[in-house]
C-alpha atoms as a PDB file:
ATOM      1  CA  UNK A   1     114.719  86.440  72.936  1.00  0.00           C
ATOM      2  CA  UNK A   2     116.884  88.466  75.336  1.00  0.00           C
ATOM      3  CA  UNK A   3     114.309  90.963  75.759  1.00  0.00           C
ATOM      4  CA  UNK A   4     111.322  88.333  76.556  1.00  0.00           C
ATOM      5  CA  UNK A   5     113.797  86.756  79.140  1.00  0.00           C
ATOM      6  CA  UNK A   6     114.428  89.937  80.582  1.00  0.00           C
ATOM      7  CA  UNK A   7     110.655  90.394  81.124  1.00  0.00           C
ATOM      8  CA  UNK A   8     110.291  86.900  81.975  1.00  0.00           C
ATOM      9  CA  UNK A   9     112.488  87.508  85.032  1.00  0.00           C
ATOM     10  CA  UNK A  10     110.913  90.949  85.853  1.00  0.00           C
ATOM     11  CA  UNK A  11     107.625  89.282  85.677  1.00  0.00           C
ATOM     12  CA  UNK A  12     108.970  86.570  88.602  1.00  0.00           C
ATOM     13  CA  UNK A  13     110.660  89.311  90.506  1.00  0.00           C
ATOM     14  CA  UNK A  14     107.182  91.084  90.646  1.00  0.00           C
ATOM     15  CA  UNK A  15     105.739  87.397  91.812  1.00  0.00           C
ATOM     16  CA  UNK A  16     108.391  87.221  94.418  1.00  0.00           C
ATOM     17  CA  UNK A  17     107.761  90.481  95.654  1.00  0.00           C
ATOM     18  CA  UNK A  18     103.811  90.000  95.854  1.00  0.00           C
ATOM     19  CA  UNK A  19     104.097  86.685  97.712  1.00  0.00           C
ATOM     20  CA  UNK A  20     106.562  88.329  99.994  1.00  0.00           C
ATOM     21  CA  UNK A  21     104.179  91.215 100.954  1.00  0.00           C
ATOM     22  CA  UNK A  22     101.008  88.258 101.188  1.00  0.00           C
ATOM     23  CA  UNK A  23     103.216  86.171 103.855  1.00  0.00           C
ATOM     24  CA  UNK A  24     104.083  89.572 105.845  1.00  0.00           C
ATOM     25  CA  UNK A  25     100.603  90.595 105.655  1.00  0.00           C
ATOM     26  CA  UNK A  26      99.462  86.772 107.043  1.00  0.00           C
ATOM     27  CA  UNK A  27     101.940  87.061 109.804  1.00  0.00           C
ATOM     28  CA  UNK A  28     100.361  89.836 110.854  1.00  0.00           C
ATOM     29  CA  UNK A  29      97.521  88.016 112.195  1.00  0.00           C
ATOM     30  CA  UNK A  30      97.453  87.431 115.533  1.00  0.00           C
ATOM     31  CA  UNK A  31      95.485  84.511 115.341  1.00  0.00           C
ATOM     32  CA  UNK A  32      97.364  81.071 114.403  1.00  0.00           C
ATOM     33  CA  UNK A  33      94.530  79.411 112.797  1.00  0.00           C
ATOM     34  CA  UNK A  34      93.764  82.185 110.431  1.00  0.00           C
ATOM     35  CA  UNK A  35      97.291  82.296 109.382  1.00  0.00           C
ATOM     36  CA  UNK A  36      97.528  78.918 108.565  1.00  0.00           C
ATOM     37  CA  UNK A  37      93.928  79.464 106.633  1.00  0.00           C
ATOM     38  CA  UNK A  38      95.348  81.890 104.678  1.00  0.00           C
ATOM     39  CA  UNK A  39      98.470  80.259 104.186  1.00  0.00           C
ATOM     40  CA  UNK A  40      97.248  77.366 102.977  1.00  0.00           C
ATOM     41  CA  UNK A  41      94.305  79.288 100.485  1.00  0.00           C
ATOM     42  CA  UNK A  42      96.613  81.802  98.751  1.00  0.00           C
ATOM     43  CA  UNK A  43     100.082  80.694  99.521  1.00  0.00           C
ATOM     44  CA  UNK A  44      99.878  76.714  98.840  1.00  0.00           C
ATOM     45  CA  UNK A  45      96.660  77.796  96.602  1.00  0.00           C
ATOM     46  CA  UNK A  46      94.775  74.548  98.132  1.00  0.00           C
ATOM     47  CA  UNK A  47      90.848  74.557  97.181  1.00  0.00           C
ATOM     48  CA  UNK A  48      88.595  74.799 100.428  1.00  0.00           C
ATOM     49  CA  UNK A  49      87.781  71.380 100.211  1.00  0.00           C
ATOM     50  CA  UNK A  50      91.304  70.680 100.815  1.00  0.00           C
ATOM     51  CA  UNK A  51      91.209  73.274 103.559  1.00  0.00           C
ATOM     52  CA  UNK A  52      88.269  71.873 105.128  1.00  0.00           C
ATOM     53  CA  UNK A  53      90.106  68.730 105.527  1.00  0.00           C
ATOM     54  CA  UNK A  54      93.659  69.758 106.609  1.00  0.00           C
ATOM     55  CA  UNK A  55      92.162  71.464 109.169  1.00  0.00           C
ATOM     56  CA  UNK A  56      89.640  69.002 110.144  1.00  0.00           C
ATOM     57  CA  UNK A  57      86.885  71.621 109.494  1.00  0.00           C
ATOM     58  CA  UNK A  58      83.531  71.876 107.752  1.00  0.00           C
ATOM     59  CA  UNK A  59      83.612  74.147 104.834  1.00  0.00           C
ATOM     60  CA  UNK A  60      80.519  76.074 106.539  1.00  0.00           C
ATOM     61  CA  UNK A  61      83.101  76.669 109.402  1.00  0.00           C
ATOM     62  CA  UNK A  62      86.005  76.858 106.702  1.00  0.00           C
ATOM     63  CA  UNK A  63      84.350  79.729 105.339  1.00  0.00           C
ATOM     64  CA  UNK A  64      83.348  81.535 108.482  1.00  0.00           C
ATOM     65  CA  UNK A  65      87.474  81.612 109.700  1.00  0.00           C
ATOM     66  CA  UNK A  66      87.900  82.756 106.827  1.00  0.00           C
ATOM     67  CA  UNK A  67      85.928  85.515 106.664  1.00  0.00           C
ATOM     68  CA  UNK A  68      87.441  86.479 110.193  1.00  0.00           C
ATOM     69  CA  UNK A  69      90.427  86.044 109.071  1.00  0.00           C
ATOM     70  CA  UNK A  70      90.565  88.348 106.486  1.00  0.00           C
ATOM     71  CA  UNK A  71      88.542  91.332 108.837  1.00  0.00           C
ATOM     72  CA  UNK A  72      91.281  90.635 111.004  1.00  0.00           C
ATOM     73  CA  UNK A  73      93.809  91.442 108.302  1.00  0.00           C
ATOM     74  CA  UNK A  74      91.694  93.822 106.618  1.00  0.00           C
ATOM     75  CA  UNK A  75      91.585  96.330 109.627  1.00  0.00           C
ATOM     76  CA  UNK A  76      95.796  96.482 109.957  1.00  0.00           C
ATOM     77  CA  UNK A  77      95.369  96.876 105.673  1.00  0.00           C
ATOM     78  CA  UNK A  78      92.907  99.907 106.341  1.00  0.00           C
ATOM     79  CA  UNK A  79      95.215 101.948 108.950  1.00  0.00           C
ATOM     80  CA  UNK A  80      98.430 101.305 106.769  1.00  0.00           C
ATOM     81  CA  UNK A  81      96.584 102.821 103.865  1.00  0.00           C
ATOM     82  CA  UNK A  82      95.754 105.446 106.074  1.00  0.00           C
ATOM     83  CA  UNK A  83      99.052 106.060 106.952  1.00  0.00           C
ATOM     84  CA  UNK A  84     100.351 105.807 102.860  1.00  0.00           C
END
């Protein structure tokens, strides 16, 4: 039972660390609209329909904005991987 609790605690710690990494990555995106979209999708786990409604976007525009947001995030993630 103690081993299972330790394993659960380790998993929780891992998830908290991962969430912090995701938040840091999103915060590096300069465009605040992109940040909001990424937060709603990857931190709040909202469906695309909900995101489009929340942001008053069409679904098509939400997808386009998401693609642009990922491109911006990907650009500095690639730079970081070159440094490591």
